[in-house]
C-alpha atoms as a PDB file:
ATOM      1  CA  ILE A   1      20.352  -3.544  15.254  1.00  0.00           C
ATOM      2  CA  VAL A   2      21.102  -3.950  11.404  1.00  0.00           C
ATOM      3  CA  ASP A   3      20.309  -0.501  10.379  1.00  0.00           C
ATOM      4  CA  LYS A   4      20.124   2.938  11.590  1.00  0.00           C
ATOM      5  CA  SER A   5      19.592   6.180   9.480  1.00  0.00           C
ATOM      6  CA  GLU A   6      18.842   9.687  10.480  1.00  0.00           C
ATOM      7  CA  PHE A   7      15.773  11.653   9.234  1.00  0.00           C
ATOM      8  CA  GLY A   8      15.678  14.489  11.926  1.00  0.00           C
ATOM      9  CA  PHE A   9      16.491  18.134  11.696  1.00  0.00           C
ATOM     10  CA  LYS A  10      13.754  18.896   9.122  1.00  0.00           C
ATOM     11  CA  CYS A  11       9.879  19.385   8.948  1.00  0.00           C
ATOM     12  CA  LEU A  12       8.272  16.712  11.019  1.00  0.00           C
ATOM     13  CA  LEU A  13       5.942  15.652   8.204  1.00  0.00           C
ATOM     14  CA  VAL A  14       8.800  15.500   5.738  1.00  0.00           C
ATOM     15  CA  ALA A  15      10.890  13.426   8.259  1.00  0.00           C
ATOM     16  CA  MET A  16       7.808  10.953   9.002  1.00  0.00           C
ATOM     17  CA  GLU A  17       7.398  10.387   5.177  1.00  0.00           C
ATOM     18  CA  LYS A  18      11.114   9.791   4.587  1.00  0.00           C
ATOM     19  CA  ALA A  19      11.307   7.404   7.399  1.00  0.00           C
ATOM     20  CA  GLU A  20       8.142   5.672   6.183  1.00  0.00           C
ATOM     21  CA  ASP A  21       9.466   5.288   2.575  1.00  0.00           C
ATOM     22  CA  TYR A  22      12.843   4.128   3.905  1.00  0.00           C
ATOM     23  CA  VAL A  23      11.306   1.463   6.176  1.00  0.00           C
ATOM     24  CA  ASP A  24       8.928   0.223   3.137  1.00  0.00           C
ATOM     25  CA  SER A  25      11.970  -0.104   0.907  1.00  0.00           C
ATOM     26  CA  GLN A  26      13.090  -2.775   3.323  1.00  0.00           C
ATOM     27  CA  ASN A  27       9.906  -4.794   3.261  1.00  0.00           C
ATOM     28  CA  LEU A  28      10.997  -7.860   1.319  1.00  0.00           C
ATOM     29  CA  ASN A  29       8.354  -9.619  -0.742  1.00  0.00           C
ATOM     30  CA  LYS A  30       8.716 -13.335  -1.309  1.00  0.00           C
ATOM     31  CA  SER A  31       6.608 -15.847  -3.149  1.00  0.00           C
ATOM     32  CA  ILE A  32       5.777 -18.831  -0.745  1.00  0.00           C
ATOM     33  CA  MET A  33       4.453 -22.254  -1.850  1.00  0.00           C
ATOM     34  CA  THR A  34       1.470 -23.417  -0.023  1.00  0.00           C
ATOM     35  CA  GLU A  35       0.929 -27.097   0.931  1.00  0.00           C
ATOM     36  CA  LYS A  36      -1.657 -27.442  -2.025  1.00  0.00           C
ATOM     37  CA  GLY A  37       1.146 -26.050  -4.378  1.00  0.00           C
ATOM     38  CA  ALA A  38      -0.503 -22.541  -4.716  1.00  0.00           C
ATOM     39  CA  ARG A  39       2.020 -19.757  -4.893  1.00  0.00           C
ATOM     40  CA  ILE A  40       1.167 -16.522  -2.685  1.00  0.00           C
ATOM     41  CA  ASP A  41       3.257 -13.378  -2.110  1.00  0.00           C
ATOM     42  CA  LYS A  42       4.152 -12.366   1.471  1.00  0.00           C
ATOM     43  CA  LYS A  43       5.742  -9.377   3.045  1.00  0.00           C
ATOM     44  CA  LEU A  44       8.276  -9.371   5.705  1.00  0.00           C
ATOM     45  CA  PHE A  45       6.001  -7.128   7.821  1.00  0.00           C
ATOM     46  CA  ASP A  46       2.708  -5.551   7.737  1.00  0.00           C
ATOM     47  CA  LYS A  47       3.084  -2.180   6.002  1.00  0.00           C
ATOM     48  CA  GLU A  48      -0.150  -0.594   7.464  1.00  0.00           C
ATOM     49  CA  SER A  49       0.648  -1.822  11.014  1.00  0.00           C
ATOM     50  CA  PHE A  50       4.054  -0.095  10.776  1.00  0.00           C
ATOM     51  CA  LYS A  51       2.545   3.126   9.384  1.00  0.00           C
ATOM     52  CA  GLN A  52       0.065   3.210  12.347  1.00  0.00           C
ATOM     53  CA  ALA A  53       2.784   2.688  14.821  1.00  0.00           C
ATOM     54  CA  TRP A  54       5.044   5.219  13.450  1.00  0.00           C
ATOM     55  CA  TYR A  55       2.336   7.905  13.120  1.00  0.00           C
ATOM     56  CA  ASN A  56       1.068   7.179  16.530  1.00  0.00           C
ATOM     57  CA  ALA A  57       4.722   7.443  17.952  1.00  0.00           C
ATOM     58  CA  CYS A  58       4.960  10.793  16.329  1.00  0.00           C
ATOM     59  CA  LEU A  59       1.632  12.061  17.221  1.00  0.00           C
ATOM     60  CA  HIS A  60       1.804  11.002  21.129  1.00  0.00           C
ATOM     61  CA  ASN A  61       5.562  11.577  21.721  1.00  0.00           C
ATOM     62  CA  LEU A  62       6.242  13.880  24.574  1.00  0.00           C
ATOM     63  CA  TRP A  63       8.153  16.284  22.361  1.00  0.00           C
ATOM     64  CA  ILE A  64       8.636  18.810  25.138  1.00  0.00           C
ATOM     65  CA  GLU A  65      11.305  16.572  26.673  1.00  0.00           C
ATOM     66  CA  GLY A  66      13.339  16.910  23.488  1.00  0.00           C
ATOM     67  CA  VAL A  67      13.499  13.095  22.849  1.00  0.00           C
ATOM     68  CA  PRO A  68      12.174  12.098  19.373  1.00  0.00           C
ATOM     69  CA  PRO A  69      10.323   9.017  18.511  1.00  0.00           C
ATOM     70  CA  ALA A  70      12.736   6.403  16.742  1.00  0.00           C
ATOM     71  CA  VAL A  71      12.625   3.285  14.526  1.00  0.00           C
ATOM     72  CA  TYR A  72      15.028   0.546  14.776  1.00  0.00           C
ATOM     73  CA  ILE A  73      15.458  -2.290  12.170  1.00  0.00           C
ATOM     74  CA  PHE A  74      16.553  -5.529  13.832  1.00  0.00           C
ATOM     75  CA  SER A  75      17.316  -9.016  12.184  1.00  0.00           C
ATOM     76  CA  ASP A  76      13.922 -10.407  13.278  1.00  0.00           C
ATOM     77  CA  ARG A  77      11.652  -7.161  13.772  1.00  0.00           C
ATOM     78  CA  ILE A  78      11.118  -3.571  13.256  1.00  0.00           C
ATOM     79  CA  GLN A  79      10.794  -1.452  16.699  1.00  0.00           C
ATOM     80  CA  VAL A  80       9.097   1.803  17.052  1.00  0.00           C
ATOM     81  CA  LEU A  81       9.657   3.837  20.213  1.00  0.00           C
ATOM     82  CA  SER A  82       7.915   6.897  21.447  1.00  0.00           C
ATOM     83  CA  ASN A  83       8.835   9.119  24.294  1.00  0.00           C
ATOM     84  CA  GLY A  84       6.325   9.175  27.093  1.00  0.00           C
ATOM     85  CA  GLY A  85       4.274   6.467  28.619  1.00  0.00           C
ATOM     86  CA  LEU A  86       0.533   5.770  28.752  1.00  0.00           C
ATOM     87  CA  PRO A  87      -1.486   8.748  29.792  1.00  0.00           C
ATOM     88  CA  ALA A  88      -2.351   8.470  33.575  1.00  0.00           C
ATOM     89  CA  ASN A  89      -6.148   8.463  32.907  1.00  0.00           C
ATOM     90  CA  LEU A  90      -6.062   5.983  30.176  1.00  0.00           C
ATOM     91  CA  MET A  91      -6.572   2.354  30.936  1.00  0.00           C
ATOM     92  CA  PHE A  92      -4.743  -0.522  28.986  1.00  0.00           C
ATOM     93  CA  ASP A  93      -8.006  -2.020  27.679  1.00  0.00           C
ATOM     94  CA  ASP A  94      -9.263   1.273  26.354  1.00  0.00           C
ATOM     95  CA  PHE A  95      -5.866   1.813  24.757  1.00  0.00           C
ATOM     96  CA  TYR A  96      -6.095  -1.487  22.802  1.00  0.00           C
ATOM     97  CA  LYS A  97      -9.567  -0.910  21.865  1.00  0.00           C
ATOM     98  CA  GLY A  98      -8.421   2.404  20.300  1.00  0.00           C
ATOM     99  CA  THR A  99      -9.363   5.000  22.797  1.00  0.00           C
ATOM    100  CA  SER A 100      -6.994   7.880  22.450  1.00  0.00           C
ATOM    101  CA  ARG A 101      -6.114  10.728  24.417  1.00  0.00           C
ATOM    102  CA  PRO A 102      -3.535  12.834  22.302  1.00  0.00           C
ATOM    103  CA  VAL A 103      -0.619  14.402  24.069  1.00  0.00           C
ATOM    104  CA  ASN A 104      -0.303  16.884  21.426  1.00  0.00           C
ATOM    105  CA  GLU A 105      -3.755  18.101  20.473  1.00  0.00           C
ATOM    106  CA  GLU A 106      -2.758  20.700  18.131  1.00  0.00           C
ATOM    107  CA  LEU A 107      -0.551  18.085  16.125  1.00  0.00           C
ATOM    108  CA  ALA A 108      -3.636  15.700  16.247  1.00  0.00           C
ATOM    109  CA  ARG A 109      -5.693  18.375  14.561  1.00  0.00           C
ATOM    110  CA  ILE A 110      -3.141  18.974  11.941  1.00  0.00           C
ATOM    111  CA  PHE A 111      -2.828  15.064  11.239  1.00  0.00           C
ATOM    112  CA  LEU A 112      -6.526  14.884  10.814  1.00  0.00           C
ATOM    113  CA  SER A 113      -6.900  17.981   8.654  1.00  0.00           C
ATOM    114  CA  LEU A 114      -4.105  16.650   6.274  1.00  0.00           C
ATOM    115  CA  GLU A 115      -5.851  13.173   6.406  1.00  0.00           C
ATOM    116  CA  LEU A 116      -2.697  11.454   7.806  1.00  0.00           C
ATOM    117  CA  MET A 117      -5.066   9.570   9.985  1.00  0.00           C
ATOM    118  CA  GLU A 118      -8.729   8.963   9.914  1.00  0.00           C
ATOM    119  CA  GLN A 119      -9.082   9.392  13.761  1.00  0.00           C
ATOM    120  CA  THR A 120      -7.044   9.319  16.716  1.00  0.00           C
ATOM    121  CA  GLY A 121      -6.651   5.649  18.065  1.00  0.00           C
ATOM    122  CA  TYR A 122      -7.579   4.267  14.702  1.00  0.00           C
ATOM    123  CA  GLY A 123      -4.258   2.379  14.325  1.00  0.00           C
ATOM    124  CA  ILE A 124      -3.854   0.457  17.571  1.00  0.00           C
ATOM    125  CA  PRO A 125      -6.543  -2.154  16.811  1.00  0.00           C
ATOM    126  CA  ILE A 126      -4.943  -2.648  13.415  1.00  0.00           C
ATOM    127  CA  ILE A 127      -1.823  -3.662  15.085  1.00  0.00           C
ATOM    128  CA  VAL A 128      -3.418  -5.687  17.724  1.00  0.00           C
ATOM    129  CA  LYS A 129      -5.320  -7.616  15.173  1.00  0.00           C
ATOM    130  CA  LYS A 130      -2.309  -8.256  13.125  1.00  0.00           C
ATOM    131  CA  TYR A 131       0.326  -8.905  15.867  1.00  0.00           C
ATOM    132  CA  SER A 132      -1.656  -9.099  19.233  1.00  0.00           C
ATOM    133  CA  LYS A 133      -1.196  -7.159  22.326  1.00  0.00           C
ATOM    134  CA  LYS A 134       2.422  -8.689  22.760  1.00  0.00           C
ATOM    135  CA  ALA A 135       3.597  -6.169  20.106  1.00  0.00           C
ATOM    136  CA  PHE A 136       3.375  -3.434  22.810  1.00  0.00           C
ATOM    137  CA  ASP A 137       5.583  -2.918  25.755  1.00  0.00           C
ATOM    138  CA  PHE A 138       4.975  -0.036  28.241  1.00  0.00           C
ATOM    139  CA  SER A 139       7.369   1.740  30.801  1.00  0.00           C
ATOM    140  CA  PRO A 140       6.786   4.965  32.724  1.00  0.00           C
ATOM    141  CA  ASN A 141       8.870   6.910  30.020  1.00  0.00           C
ATOM    142  CA  THR A 142       8.354   4.998  26.764  1.00  0.00           C
ATOM    143  CA  ILE A 143       5.886   2.955  24.540  1.00  0.00           C
ATOM    144  CA  ARG A 144       7.524   0.357  22.281  1.00  0.00           C
ATOM    145  CA  VAL A 145       6.010  -1.554  19.439  1.00  0.00           C
ATOM    146  CA  ASP A 146       7.640  -4.571  18.025  1.00  0.00           C
ATOM    147  CA  LEU A 147       6.613  -5.777  14.671  1.00  0.00           C
ATOM    148  CA  MET A 148       7.933  -9.348  14.160  1.00  0.00           C
ATOM    149  CA  PHE A 149       9.158 -10.306  10.874  1.00  0.00           C
ATOM    150  CA  ASN A 150       7.338 -13.135   8.841  1.00  0.00           C
ATOM    151  CA  GLU A 151       9.296 -16.344   9.538  1.00  0.00           C
ATOM    152  CA  GLU A 152       8.405 -17.826   6.218  1.00  0.00           C
ATOM    153  CA  VAL A 153       9.803 -14.807   4.501  1.00  0.00           C
ATOM    154  CA  LEU A 154      12.867 -14.900   6.507  1.00  0.00           C
ATOM    155  CA  GLU A 155      13.393 -18.560   5.756  1.00  0.00           C
ATOM    156  CA  ALA A 156      12.857 -17.871   2.069  1.00  0.00           C
ATOM    157  CA  GLU A 157      15.377 -15.096   2.315  1.00  0.00           C
ATOM    158  CA  ARG A 158      17.961 -17.249   4.016  1.00  0.00           C
ATOM    159  CA  ALA A 159      17.620 -19.977   1.340  1.00  0.00           C
ATOM    160  CA  TRP A 160      18.006 -17.305  -1.268  1.00  0.00           C
ATOM    161  CA  LYS A 161      21.055 -16.011   0.532  1.00  0.00           C
ATOM    162  CA  GLU A 162      22.648 -19.444   0.518  1.00  0.00           C
ATOM    163  CA  LYS A 163      21.885 -19.997  -3.250  1.00  0.00           C
ATOM    164  CA  ILE A 164      23.223 -16.390  -4.230  1.00  0.00           C
ATOM    165  CA  LEU A 165      26.446 -16.628  -2.208  1.00  0.00           C
ATOM    166  CA  SER A 166      27.235 -20.286  -3.241  1.00  0.00           C
ATOM    167  CA  SER A 167      26.672 -19.583  -6.959  1.00  0.00           C
ATOM    168  CA  HIS A 168      27.925 -15.891  -6.771  1.00  0.00           C
ATOM    169  CA  ASP A 169      26.942 -15.193 -10.415  1.00  0.00           C
ATOM    170  CA  THR A 170      24.225 -13.353 -12.418  1.00  0.00           C
ATOM    171  CA  LYS A 171      22.791 -13.794 -15.897  1.00  0.00           C
ATOM    172  CA  ASN A 172      24.665 -10.917 -17.472  1.00  0.00           C
ATOM    173  CA  ASP A 173      28.120 -11.545 -16.346  1.00  0.00           C
ATOM    174  CA  THR A 174      28.418 -15.162 -14.928  1.00  0.00           C
ATOM    175  CA  LYS A 175      31.891 -15.511 -16.153  1.00  0.00           C
ATOM    176  CA  ASN A 176      33.266 -12.559 -13.995  1.00  0.00           C
ATOM    177  CA  ASP A 177      31.158 -13.381 -10.809  1.00  0.00           C
ATOM    178  CA  THR A 178      31.876 -16.936 -10.569  1.00  0.00           C
ATOM    179  CA  LYS A 179      35.622 -16.619  -9.886  1.00  0.00           C
ATOM    180  CA  HIS A 180      34.830 -15.293  -6.557  1.00  0.00           C
ATOM    181  CA  ASN A 181      33.748 -17.617  -3.816  1.00  0.00           C
ATOM    182  CA  THR A 182      31.978 -16.213  -0.762  1.00  0.00           C
ATOM    183  CA  ASN A 183      34.919 -16.059   1.426  1.00  0.00           C
ATOM    184  CA  THR A 184      37.076 -14.380  -1.174  1.00  0.00           C
ATOM    185  CA  LEU A 185      34.252 -11.799  -2.043  1.00  0.00           C
ATOM    186  CA  GLU A 186      34.100 -11.000   1.733  1.00  0.00           C
ATOM    187  CA  LYS A 187      37.794 -10.489   2.104  1.00  0.00           C
ATOM    188  CA  GLU A 188      38.121  -8.451  -1.046  1.00  0.00           C
ATOM    189  CA  LEU A 189      35.208  -6.220  -0.047  1.00  0.00           C
ATOM    190  CA  ILE A 190      36.474  -5.665   3.364  1.00  0.00           C
ATOM    191  CA  ASN A 191      39.972  -4.960   2.101  1.00  0.00           C
ATOM    192  CA  LEU A 192      38.593  -2.183  -0.339  1.00  0.00           C
ATOM    193  CA  ILE A 193      36.593  -0.630   2.409  1.00  0.00           C
ATOM    194  CA  GLN A 194      39.475  -0.734   4.931  1.00  0.00           C
ATOM    195  CA  HIS A 195      41.500   1.132   2.416  1.00  0.00           C
ATOM    196  CA  ASN A 196      38.561   3.664   1.562  1.00  0.00           C
ATOM    197  CA  GLN A 197      35.433   3.939   3.607  1.00  0.00           C
ATOM    198  CA  ASN A 198      33.936   6.312   1.052  1.00  0.00           C
ATOM    199  CA  ILE A 199      34.322   3.958  -2.005  1.00  0.00           C
ATOM    200  CA  THR A 200      31.353   3.802  -4.138  1.00  0.00           C
ATOM    201  CA  GLN A 201      29.496   0.991  -5.464  1.00  0.00           C
ATOM    202  CA  ALA A 202      30.757   1.502  -8.890  1.00  0.00           C
ATOM    203  CA  GLN A 203      34.204   1.608  -7.807  1.00  0.00           C
ATOM    204  CA  ILE A 204      33.587  -1.695  -5.937  1.00  0.00           C
ATOM    205  CA  ILE A 205      32.063  -3.218  -9.022  1.00  0.00           C
ATOM    206  CA  GLU A 206      34.955  -2.147 -11.160  1.00  0.00           C
ATOM    207  CA  ASN A 207      37.637  -3.381  -8.736  1.00  0.00           C
ATOM    208  CA  LEU A 208      35.994  -6.802  -8.156  1.00  0.00           C
ATOM    209  CA  LYS A 209      34.727  -7.264 -11.660  1.00  0.00           C
ATOM    210  CA  ILE A 210      31.164  -8.359 -10.469  1.00  0.00           C
ATOM    211  CA  SER A 211      27.731  -7.328 -11.337  1.00  0.00           C
ATOM    212  CA  ARG A 212      25.745  -4.536  -9.648  1.00  0.00           C
ATOM    213  CA  SER A 213      22.894  -6.966  -8.723  1.00  0.00           C
ATOM    214  CA  THR A 214      25.339  -9.413  -7.169  1.00  0.00           C
ATOM    215  CA  LEU A 215      26.887  -6.546  -5.044  1.00  0.00           C
ATOM    216  CA  VAL A 216      23.596  -5.307  -4.022  1.00  0.00           C
ATOM    217  CA  ARG A 217      22.281  -8.621  -2.827  1.00  0.00           C
ATOM    218  CA  TYR A 218      25.448  -9.537  -0.959  1.00  0.00           C
ATOM    219  CA  LEU A 219      25.590  -6.153   0.810  1.00  0.00           C
ATOM    220  CA  ARG A 220      21.953  -6.318   1.816  1.00  0.00           C
ATOM    221  CA  LEU A 221      22.548  -9.742   3.472  1.00  0.00           C
ATOM    222  CA  SER A 222      26.126  -9.303   4.674  1.00  0.00           C
ATOM    223  CA  LYS A 223      26.540  -9.251   8.534  1.00  0.00           C
ATOM    224  CA  LYS A 224      30.159  -8.026   8.183  1.00  0.00           C
ATOM    225  CA  ILE A 225      29.569  -4.647   6.088  1.00  0.00           C
ATOM    226  CA  LYS A 226      27.152  -2.032   6.757  1.00  0.00           C
ATOM    227  CA  ARG A 227      26.343   1.386   5.168  1.00  0.00           C
ATOM    228  CA  VAL A 228      26.267   4.349   7.531  1.00  0.00           C
ATOM    229  CA  GLY A 229      24.347   7.486   6.371  1.00  0.00           C
ATOM    230  CA  SER A 230      23.071   8.341   2.726  1.00  0.00           C
ATOM    231  CA  LYS A 231      24.398   6.857  -0.590  1.00  0.00           C
ATOM    232  CA  THR A 232      25.941  10.236  -1.388  1.00  0.00           C
ATOM    233  CA  ASN A 233      27.284  11.292   1.776  1.00  0.00           C
ATOM    234  CA  GLY A 234      27.599   8.226   3.853  1.00  0.00           C
ATOM    235  CA  HIS A 235      30.306   5.554   4.417  1.00  0.00           C
ATOM    236  CA  TRP A 236      30.938   1.963   4.937  1.00  0.00           C
ATOM    237  CA  GLU A 237      31.755   0.257   8.222  1.00  0.00           C
ATOM    238  CA  ILE A 238      33.185  -3.105   8.951  1.00  0.00           C
ATOM    239  CA  ILE A 239      31.261  -4.996  11.824  1.00  0.00           C
ATOM    240  CA  ASN A 240      33.642  -6.826  14.147  1.00  0.00           C
ATOM    241  CA  ASN A 241      31.749  -9.557  16.009  1.00  0.00           C
END
């Protein structure tokens, strides 16, 4: 898992929207060159499929057991979990076709009245069409949906990472940035965070004399440093492999 954020302890609809917005902010967009030389934009994952998986997880979650649905971001996929397996009277083929028997009928009526969904079961065929039935995994207690990342986008991101970390400069302040190589930057960042886990990005930029864009790009790709919590109330952690 490369990311974990908490959106609970508030109105369900607000939490759903915040989680959706946060995940969408992680959806990288890359321009990919085709064999014919055309340039097309591709996303890391299908936004609509995630939305349907997330809304269905919230709708069909067995809330009475006190276990909320969850979203996990891995290095190669997004995973959506809901508590409670497939209803006993629903066959797998019917599930994949979009037949739905809501566990929470009152919640389903609210979702429909607020136009959060067109109809119950609408989203499953969308996910199946984009990711196939292999996206779903069932157990007696959970339903898991894995939306695998686009390999072309991942490869483009890796290439971009190598370019950024090797040059380690930006258009606005190349002079300041280029004095840091990748290893030096990582060591200096880790040293700062070890001394102050609550250090702000502005303070890091001031200490290391680098640009904000360089810092943001490096932190997004770093496997050694992660942010826990919000920008205002969170803190940094060092990942020890």
